Amino acid sequence: MDKEFAGLFDIGNGEEDDTLSGRSSVSNFMRYYGWIYQTELVAAFEKVTLEQAYEIPTLQYLNDLAYLKAKGEYEAEQLRKAYGKKY
């Protein structure tokens, strides 16, 4: 995986064991359907259909995910600052 996108994934140390990769805390929904969920987010962001989102070039798709993740973290930080709570 490209080092530029390492922050998108909680990979751990590269072992296959889910407990080492951080996946033990992931819900079953995300474990099995996370790739569809992420593609739905990208499709909405790109304003395209789900089928069209599957055709987006990999680099563009990963850049979209990186942006969406950073935006979510930024918005959560703004909420924490505004309300003094963890969201």
PDB file of N, CA and C in Angstrom:
ATOM      1  N   MET A   1       0.839  -1.177   0.000  1.00  0.00           N
ATOM      2  CA  MET A   1       0.000   0.000   0.000  1.00  0.00           C
ATOM      3  C   MET A   1       0.883   1.238   0.000  1.00  0.00           C
ATOM      4  N   ASP A   2       0.423   2.242  -0.688  1.00  0.00           N
ATOM      5  CA  ASP A   2       1.149   3.493  -0.783  1.00  0.00           C
ATOM      6  C   ASP A   2       1.206   4.174   0.576  1.00  0.00           C
ATOM      7  N   LYS A   3       2.378   4.656   0.958  1.00  0.00           N
ATOM      8  CA  LYS A   3       2.546   5.312   2.258  1.00  0.00           C
ATOM      9  C   LYS A   3       1.698   6.565   2.380  1.00  0.00           C
ATOM     10  N   GLU A   4       1.378   7.204   1.249  1.00  0.00           N
ATOM     11  CA  GLU A   4       0.571   8.417   1.282  1.00  0.00           C
ATOM     12  C   GLU A   4      -0.830   8.154   1.817  1.00  0.00           C
ATOM     13  N   PHE A   5      -1.315   6.919   1.730  1.00  0.00           N
ATOM     14  CA  PHE A   5      -2.661   6.591   2.154  1.00  0.00           C
ATOM     15  C   PHE A   5      -2.682   5.687   3.380  1.00  0.00           C
ATOM     16  N   ALA A   6      -1.550   5.538   4.048  1.00  0.00           N
ATOM     17  CA  ALA A   6      -1.485   4.673   5.220  1.00  0.00           C
ATOM     18  C   ALA A   6      -2.458   5.125   6.300  1.00  0.00           C
ATOM     19  N   GLY A   7      -2.732   6.405   6.406  1.00  0.00           N
ATOM     20  CA  GLY A   7      -3.643   6.924   7.407  1.00  0.00           C
ATOM     21  C   GLY A   7      -5.098   6.541   7.188  1.00  0.00           C
ATOM     22  N   LEU A   8      -5.428   6.065   6.008  1.00  0.00           N
ATOM     23  CA  LEU A   8      -6.796   5.644   5.730  1.00  0.00           C
ATOM     24  C   LEU A   8      -7.143   4.335   6.403  1.00  0.00           C
ATOM     25  N   PHE A   9      -6.128   3.519   6.644  1.00  0.00           N
ATOM     26  CA  PHE A   9      -6.374   2.172   7.118  1.00  0.00           C
ATOM     27  C   PHE A   9      -5.625   1.924   8.408  1.00  0.00           C
ATOM     28  N   ASP A  10      -6.285   1.267   9.359  1.00  0.00           N
ATOM     29  CA  ASP A  10      -5.633   0.874  10.608  1.00  0.00           C
ATOM     30  C   ASP A  10      -5.038  -0.505  10.372  1.00  0.00           C
ATOM     31  N   ILE A  11      -3.799  -0.519   9.920  1.00  0.00           N
ATOM     32  CA  ILE A  11      -3.198  -1.760   9.462  1.00  0.00           C
ATOM     33  C   ILE A  11      -2.428  -2.484  10.554  1.00  0.00           C
ATOM     34  N   GLY A  12      -2.058  -1.808  11.584  1.00  0.00           N
ATOM     35  CA  GLY A  12      -1.257  -2.481  12.610  1.00  0.00           C
ATOM     36  C   GLY A  12       0.131  -2.757  12.085  1.00  0.00           C
ATOM     37  N   ASN A  13       0.643  -3.961  12.363  1.00  0.00           N
ATOM     38  CA  ASN A  13       2.000  -4.284  11.947  1.00  0.00           C
ATOM     39  C   ASN A  13       2.056  -5.211  10.748  1.00  0.00           C
ATOM     40  N   GLY A  14       0.947  -5.353  10.031  1.00  0.00           N
ATOM     41  CA  GLY A  14       0.952  -6.167   8.832  1.00  0.00           C
ATOM     42  C   GLY A  14       0.580  -7.613   9.054  1.00  0.00           C
ATOM     43  N   GLU A  15       0.346  -7.998  10.281  1.00  0.00           N
ATOM     44  CA  GLU A  15      -0.056  -9.366  10.579  1.00  0.00           C
ATOM     45  C   GLU A  15      -1.490  -9.584  10.124  1.00  0.00           C
ATOM     46  N   GLU A  16      -1.841 -10.821   9.887  1.00  0.00           N
ATOM     47  CA  GLU A  16      -3.194 -11.156   9.473  1.00  0.00           C
ATOM     48  C   GLU A  16      -4.166 -11.201  10.648  1.00  0.00           C
ATOM     49  N   ASP A  17      -3.671 -11.345  11.850  1.00  0.00           N
ATOM     50  CA  ASP A  17      -4.512 -11.422  13.038  1.00  0.00           C
ATOM     51  C   ASP A  17      -5.282 -10.121  13.220  1.00  0.00           C
ATOM     52  N   ASP A  18      -6.613 -10.195  13.291  1.00  0.00           N
ATOM     53  CA  ASP A  18      -7.443  -9.014  13.429  1.00  0.00           C
ATOM     54  C   ASP A  18      -7.136  -8.225  14.694  1.00  0.00           C
ATOM     55  N   THR A  19      -6.743  -8.883  15.753  1.00  0.00           N
ATOM     56  CA  THR A  19      -6.469  -8.162  16.989  1.00  0.00           C
ATOM     57  C   THR A  19      -5.222  -7.298  16.840  1.00  0.00           C
ATOM     58  N   LEU A  20      -4.294  -7.705  16.012  1.00  0.00           N
ATOM     59  CA  LEU A  20      -3.086  -6.913  15.805  1.00  0.00           C
ATOM     60  C   LEU A  20      -3.309  -5.785  14.820  1.00  0.00           C
ATOM     61  N   SER A  21      -4.262  -5.938  13.924  1.00  0.00           N
ATOM     62  CA  SER A  21      -4.488  -4.920  12.908  1.00  0.00           C
ATOM     63  C   SER A  21      -5.462  -3.854  13.371  1.00  0.00           C
ATOM     64  N   GLY A  22      -6.032  -3.998  14.546  1.00  0.00           N
ATOM     65  CA  GLY A  22      -7.003  -3.033  15.023  1.00  0.00           C
ATOM     66  C   GLY A  22      -8.412  -3.354  14.572  1.00  0.00           C
ATOM     67  N   ARG A  23      -8.582  -4.420  13.829  1.00  0.00           N
ATOM     68  CA  ARG A  23      -9.895  -4.759  13.309  1.00  0.00           C
ATOM     69  C   ARG A  23     -10.799  -5.411  14.344  1.00  0.00           C
ATOM     70  N   SER A  24     -10.275  -5.789  15.474  1.00  0.00           N
ATOM     71  CA  SER A  24     -11.111  -6.441  16.477  1.00  0.00           C
ATOM     72  C   SER A  24     -12.187  -5.504  16.989  1.00  0.00           C
ATOM     73  N   SER A  25     -11.972  -4.193  16.877  1.00  0.00           N
ATOM     74  CA  SER A  25     -12.955  -3.227  17.346  1.00  0.00           C
ATOM     75  C   SER A  25     -13.919  -2.798  16.249  1.00  0.00           C
ATOM     76  N   VAL A  26     -13.756  -3.303  15.056  1.00  0.00           N
ATOM     77  CA  VAL A  26     -14.618  -2.944  13.933  1.00  0.00           C
ATOM     78  C   VAL A  26     -15.905  -3.755  14.017  1.00  0.00           C
ATOM     79  N   SER A  27     -17.035  -3.090  13.752  1.00  0.00           N
ATOM     80  CA  SER A  27     -18.314  -3.789  13.780  1.00  0.00           C
ATOM     81  C   SER A  27     -18.370  -4.828  12.666  1.00  0.00           C
ATOM     82  N   ASN A  28     -19.212  -5.822  12.852  1.00  0.00           N
ATOM     83  CA  ASN A  28     -19.378  -6.834  11.815  1.00  0.00           C
ATOM     84  C   ASN A  28     -19.871  -6.215  10.520  1.00  0.00           C
ATOM     85  N   PHE A  29     -20.740  -5.215  10.630  1.00  0.00           N
ATOM     86  CA  PHE A  29     -21.218  -4.534   9.428  1.00  0.00           C
ATOM     87  C   PHE A  29     -20.055  -3.998   8.613  1.00  0.00           C
ATOM     88  N   MET A  30     -19.156  -3.255   9.279  1.00  0.00           N
ATOM     89  CA  MET A  30     -18.025  -2.664   8.557  1.00  0.00           C
ATOM     90  C   MET A  30     -17.040  -3.738   8.096  1.00  0.00           C
ATOM     91  N   ARG A  31     -16.882  -4.786   8.857  1.00  0.00           N
ATOM     92  CA  ARG A  31     -15.968  -5.856   8.464  1.00  0.00           C
ATOM     93  C   ARG A  31     -16.425  -6.493   7.153  1.00  0.00           C
ATOM     94  N   TYR A  32     -17.722  -6.719   7.021  1.00  0.00           N
ATOM     95  CA  TYR A  32     -18.232  -7.419   5.844  1.00  0.00           C
ATOM     96  C   TYR A  32     -18.699  -6.493   4.723  1.00  0.00           C
ATOM     97  N   TYR A  33     -19.183  -5.317   5.085  1.00  0.00           N
ATOM     98  CA  TYR A  33     -19.772  -4.440   4.078  1.00  0.00           C
ATOM     99  C   TYR A  33     -19.131  -3.060   4.018  1.00  0.00           C
ATOM    100  N   GLY A  34     -18.053  -2.864   4.723  1.00  0.00           N
ATOM    101  CA  GLY A  34     -17.386  -1.565   4.753  1.00  0.00           C
ATOM    102  C   GLY A  34     -16.974  -1.072   3.385  1.00  0.00           C
ATOM    103  N   TRP A  35     -16.566  -1.968   2.510  1.00  0.00           N
ATOM    104  CA  TRP A  35     -16.140  -1.563   1.167  1.00  0.00           C
ATOM    105  C   TRP A  35     -17.318  -0.980   0.388  1.00  0.00           C
ATOM    106  N   ILE A  36     -18.525  -1.503   0.602  1.00  0.00           N
ATOM    107  CA  ILE A  36     -19.709  -0.955  -0.061  1.00  0.00           C
ATOM    108  C   ILE A  36     -20.061   0.402   0.566  1.00  0.00           C
ATOM    109  N   TYR A  37     -20.012   0.456   1.891  1.00  0.00           N
ATOM    110  CA  TYR A  37     -20.308   1.694   2.605  1.00  0.00           C
ATOM    111  C   TYR A  37     -19.377   2.812   2.147  1.00  0.00           C
ATOM    112  N   GLN A  38     -18.083   2.513   2.070  1.00  0.00           N
ATOM    113  CA  GLN A  38     -17.108   3.520   1.645  1.00  0.00           C
ATOM    114  C   GLN A  38     -17.367   3.950   0.205  1.00  0.00           C
ATOM    115  N   THR A  39     -17.747   3.005  -0.639  1.00  0.00           N
ATOM    116  CA  THR A  39     -18.031   3.337  -2.030  1.00  0.00           C
ATOM    117  C   THR A  39     -19.278   4.201  -2.134  1.00  0.00           C
ATOM    118  N   GLU A  40     -20.273   3.960  -1.271  1.00  0.00           N
ATOM    119  CA  GLU A  40     -21.453   4.827  -1.241  1.00  0.00           C
ATOM    120  C   GLU A  40     -21.064   6.253  -0.855  1.00  0.00           C
ATOM    121  N   LEU A  41     -20.149   6.402   0.104  1.00  0.00           N
ATOM    122  CA  LEU A  41     -19.676   7.730   0.496  1.00  0.00           C
ATOM    123  C   LEU A  41     -18.982   8.423  -0.665  1.00  0.00           C
ATOM    124  N   VAL A  42     -18.130   7.695  -1.360  1.00  0.00           N
ATOM    125  CA  VAL A  42     -17.416   8.262  -2.506  1.00  0.00           C
ATOM    126  C   VAL A  42     -18.406   8.633  -3.610  1.00  0.00           C
ATOM    127  N   ALA A  43     -19.386   7.771  -3.863  1.00  0.00           N
ATOM    128  CA  ALA A  43     -20.387   8.048  -4.896  1.00  0.00           C
ATOM    129  C   ALA A  43     -21.149   9.334  -4.567  1.00  0.00           C
ATOM    130  N   ALA A  44     -21.548   9.494  -3.309  1.00  0.00           N
ATOM    131  CA  ALA A  44     -22.264  10.702  -2.900  1.00  0.00           C
ATOM    132  C   ALA A  44     -21.366  11.928  -3.039  1.00  0.00           C
ATOM    133  N   PHE A  45     -20.116  11.803  -2.647  1.00  0.00           N
ATOM    134  CA  PHE A  45     -19.169  12.909  -2.748  1.00  0.00           C
ATOM    135  C   PHE A  45     -18.944  13.299  -4.204  1.00  0.00           C
ATOM    136  N   GLU A  46     -18.786  12.318  -5.063  1.00  0.00           N
ATOM    137  CA  GLU A  46     -18.548  12.562  -6.486  1.00  0.00           C
ATOM    138  C   GLU A  46     -19.831  12.872  -7.253  1.00  0.00           C
ATOM    139  N   LYS A  47     -20.983  12.679  -6.591  1.00  0.00           N
ATOM    140  CA  LYS A  47     -22.288  12.877  -7.215  1.00  0.00           C
ATOM    141  C   LYS A  47     -22.463  11.994  -8.455  1.00  0.00           C
ATOM    142  N   VAL A  48     -22.136  10.705  -8.240  1.00  0.00           N
ATOM    143  CA  VAL A  48     -22.283   9.696  -9.292  1.00  0.00           C
ATOM    144  C   VAL A  48     -23.029   8.501  -8.704  1.00  0.00           C
ATOM    145  N   THR A  49     -23.428   7.585  -9.570  1.00  0.00           N
ATOM    146  CA  THR A  49     -24.088   6.374  -9.097  1.00  0.00           C
ATOM    147  C   THR A  49     -23.067   5.449  -8.449  1.00  0.00           C
ATOM    148  N   LEU A  50     -23.571   4.479  -7.697  1.00  0.00           N
ATOM    149  CA  LEU A  50     -22.693   3.496  -7.076  1.00  0.00           C
ATOM    150  C   LEU A  50     -21.903   2.747  -8.148  1.00  0.00           C
ATOM    151  N   GLU A  51     -22.570   2.379  -9.213  1.00  0.00           N
ATOM    152  CA  GLU A  51     -21.892   1.679 -10.311  1.00  0.00           C
ATOM    153  C   GLU A  51     -20.767   2.531 -10.900  1.00  0.00           C
ATOM    154  N   GLN A  52     -21.005   3.822 -11.076  1.00  0.00           N
ATOM    155  CA  GLN A  52     -19.963   4.711 -11.598  1.00  0.00           C
ATOM    156  C   GLN A  52     -18.816   4.864 -10.603  1.00  0.00           C
ATOM    157  N   ALA A  53     -19.138   4.835  -9.306  1.00  0.00           N
ATOM    158  CA  ALA A  53     -18.096   4.969  -8.283  1.00  0.00           C
ATOM    159  C   ALA A  53     -17.107   3.808  -8.349  1.00  0.00           C
ATOM    160  N   TYR A  54     -17.597   2.629  -8.713  1.00  0.00           N
ATOM    161  CA  TYR A  54     -16.698   1.477  -8.834  1.00  0.00           C
ATOM    162  C   TYR A  54     -15.722   1.630 -10.001  1.00  0.00           C
ATOM    163  N   GLU A  55     -15.999   2.540 -10.900  1.00  0.00           N
ATOM    164  CA  GLU A  55     -15.135   2.765 -12.066  1.00  0.00           C
ATOM    165  C   GLU A  55     -14.163   3.928 -11.865  1.00  0.00           C
ATOM    166  N   ILE A  56     -14.274   4.618 -10.731  1.00  0.00           N
ATOM    167  CA  ILE A  56     -13.371   5.744 -10.460  1.00  0.00           C
ATOM    168  C   ILE A  56     -11.939   5.218 -10.354  1.00  0.00           C
ATOM    169  N   PRO A  57     -10.984   5.922 -10.955  1.00  0.00           N
ATOM    170  CA  PRO A  57      -9.581   5.498 -10.833  1.00  0.00           C
ATOM    171  C   PRO A  57      -9.158   5.379  -9.365  1.00  0.00           C
ATOM    172  N   THR A  58      -8.332   4.408  -9.081  1.00  0.00           N
ATOM    173  CA  THR A  58      -7.929   4.101  -7.712  1.00  0.00           C
ATOM    174  C   THR A  58      -7.373   5.313  -6.974  1.00  0.00           C
ATOM    175  N   LEU A  59      -6.487   6.054  -7.600  1.00  0.00           N
ATOM    176  CA  LEU A  59      -5.879   7.206  -6.930  1.00  0.00           C
ATOM    177  C   LEU A  59      -6.938   8.248  -6.569  1.00  0.00           C
ATOM    178  N   GLN A  60      -7.855   8.514  -7.467  1.00  0.00           N
ATOM    179  CA  GLN A  60      -8.940   9.456  -7.188  1.00  0.00           C
ATOM    180  C   GLN A  60      -9.821   8.936  -6.057  1.00  0.00           C
ATOM    181  N   TYR A  61     -10.136   7.644  -6.067  1.00  0.00           N
ATOM    182  CA  TYR A  61     -10.963   7.025  -5.032  1.00  0.00           C
ATOM    183  C   TYR A  61     -10.282   7.169  -3.666  1.00  0.00           C
ATOM    184  N   LEU A  62      -8.996   6.856  -3.600  1.00  0.00           N
ATOM    185  CA  LEU A  62      -8.263   6.969  -2.332  1.00  0.00           C
ATOM    186  C   LEU A  62      -8.155   8.420  -1.878  1.00  0.00           C
ATOM    187  N   ASN A  63      -7.959   9.349  -2.813  1.00  0.00           N
ATOM    188  CA  ASN A  63      -7.935  10.769  -2.454  1.00  0.00           C
ATOM    189  C   ASN A  63      -9.286  11.202  -1.908  1.00  0.00           C
ATOM    190  N   ASP A  64     -10.368  10.729  -2.511  1.00  0.00           N
ATOM    191  CA  ASP A  64     -11.706  11.034  -1.999  1.00  0.00           C
ATOM    192  C   ASP A  64     -11.871  10.509  -0.583  1.00  0.00           C
ATOM    193  N   LEU A  65     -11.464   9.261  -0.346  1.00  0.00           N
ATOM    194  CA  LEU A  65     -11.573   8.689   1.001  1.00  0.00           C
ATOM    195  C   LEU A  65     -10.725   9.461   2.002  1.00  0.00           C
ATOM    196  N   ALA A  66      -9.517   9.856   1.591  1.00  0.00           N
ATOM    197  CA  ALA A  66      -8.644  10.617   2.488  1.00  0.00           C
ATOM    198  C   ALA A  66      -9.296  11.951   2.845  1.00  0.00           C
ATOM    199  N   TYR A  67      -9.872  12.628   1.859  1.00  0.00           N
ATOM    200  CA  TYR A  67     -10.553  13.888   2.108  1.00  0.00           C
ATOM    201  C   TYR A  67     -11.739  13.688   3.042  1.00  0.00           C
ATOM    202  N   LEU A  68     -12.564  12.689   2.759  1.00  0.00           N
ATOM    203  CA  LEU A  68     -13.751  12.444   3.579  1.00  0.00           C
ATOM    204  C   LEU A  68     -13.380  12.102   5.023  1.00  0.00           C
ATOM    205  N   LYS A  69     -12.306  11.336   5.202  1.00  0.00           N
ATOM    206  CA  LYS A  69     -11.854  11.000   6.547  1.00  0.00           C
ATOM    207  C   LYS A  69     -11.353  12.256   7.265  1.00  0.00           C
ATOM    208  N   ALA A  70     -10.534  13.049   6.584  1.00  0.00           N
ATOM    209  CA  ALA A  70     -10.004  14.274   7.189  1.00  0.00           C
ATOM    210  C   ALA A  70     -11.133  15.245   7.518  1.00  0.00           C
ATOM    211  N   LYS A  71     -12.118  15.348   6.634  1.00  0.00           N
ATOM    212  CA  LYS A  71     -13.261  16.228   6.874  1.00  0.00           C
ATOM    213  C   LYS A  71     -14.042  15.770   8.110  1.00  0.00           C
ATOM    214  N   GLY A  72     -14.260  14.476   8.224  1.00  0.00           N
ATOM    215  CA  GLY A  72     -14.962  13.950   9.393  1.00  0.00           C
ATOM    216  C   GLY A  72     -14.217  14.229  10.680  1.00  0.00           C
ATOM    217  N   GLU A  73     -12.904  14.056  10.650  1.00  0.00           N
ATOM    218  CA  GLU A  73     -12.087  14.326  11.838  1.00  0.00           C
ATOM    219  C   GLU A  73     -12.115  15.811  12.181  1.00  0.00           C
ATOM    220  N   TYR A  74     -12.041  16.662  11.160  1.00  0.00           N
ATOM    221  CA  TYR A  74     -12.098  18.111  11.375  1.00  0.00           C
ATOM    222  C   TYR A  74     -13.433  18.512  11.996  1.00  0.00           C
ATOM    223  N   GLU A  75     -14.525  17.995  11.443  1.00  0.00           N
ATOM    224  CA  GLU A  75     -15.845  18.329  11.965  1.00  0.00           C
ATOM    225  C   GLU A  75     -16.023  17.830  13.392  1.00  0.00           C
ATOM    226  N   ALA A  76     -15.507  16.645  13.708  1.00  0.00           N
ATOM    227  CA  ALA A  76     -15.578  16.129  15.073  1.00  0.00           C
ATOM    228  C   ALA A  76     -14.785  17.019  16.024  1.00  0.00           C
ATOM    229  N   GLU A  77     -13.627  17.495  15.579  1.00  0.00           N
ATOM    230  CA  GLU A  77     -12.805  18.390  16.399  1.00  0.00           C
ATOM    231  C   GLU A  77     -13.529  19.709  16.651  1.00  0.00           C
ATOM    232  N   GLN A  78     -14.199  20.217  15.633  1.00  0.00           N
ATOM    233  CA  GLN A  78     -14.952  21.465  15.802  1.00  0.00           C
ATOM    234  C   GLN A  78     -16.087  21.280  16.805  1.00  0.00           C
ATOM    235  N   LEU A  79     -16.752  20.136  16.767  1.00  0.00           N
ATOM    236  CA  LEU A  79     -17.809  19.846  17.743  1.00  0.00           C
ATOM    237  C   LEU A  79     -17.244  19.748  19.156  1.00  0.00           C
ATOM    238  N   ARG A  80     -16.078  19.081  19.285  1.00  0.00           N
ATOM    239  CA  ARG A  80     -15.442  18.969  20.606  1.00  0.00           C
ATOM    240  C   ARG A  80     -15.111  20.367  21.149  1.00  0.00           C
ATOM    241  N   LYS A  81     -14.596  21.218  20.288  1.00  0.00           N
ATOM    242  CA  LYS A  81     -14.252  22.579  20.725  1.00  0.00           C
ATOM    243  C   LYS A  81     -15.503  23.367  21.108  1.00  0.00           C
ATOM    244  N   ALA A  82     -16.543  23.209  20.334  1.00  0.00           N
ATOM    245  CA  ALA A  82     -17.772  23.961  20.577  1.00  0.00           C
ATOM    246  C   ALA A  82     -18.510  23.492  21.817  1.00  0.00           C
ATOM    247  N   TYR A  83     -18.520  22.174  22.034  1.00  0.00           N
ATOM    248  CA  TYR A  83     -19.323  21.629  23.124  1.00  0.00           C
ATOM    249  C   TYR A  83     -18.516  21.012  24.246  1.00  0.00           C
ATOM    250  N   GLY A  84     -17.205  20.930  24.072  1.00  0.00           N
ATOM    251  CA  GLY A  84     -16.358  20.388  25.112  1.00  0.00           C
ATOM    252  C   GLY A  84     -16.573  18.922  25.394  1.00  0.00           C
ATOM    253  N   LYS A  85     -17.069  18.188  24.416  1.00  0.00           N
ATOM    254  CA  LYS A  85     -17.350  16.770  24.585  1.00  0.00           C
ATOM    255  C   LYS A  85     -16.681  15.990  23.463  1.00  0.00           C
ATOM    256  N   LYS A  86     -16.576  14.702  23.689  1.00  0.00           N
ATOM    257  CA  LYS A  86     -16.036  13.830  22.655  1.00  0.00           C
ATOM    258  C   LYS A  86     -17.183  13.333  21.789  1.00  0.00           C
ATOM    259  N   TYR A  87     -17.064  13.504  20.471  1.00  0.00           N
ATOM    260  CA  TYR A  87     -18.069  13.022  19.524  1.00  0.00           C
ATOM    261  C   TYR A  87     -17.480  12.004  18.626  1.00  0.00           C
TER     262      TYR A  87
END
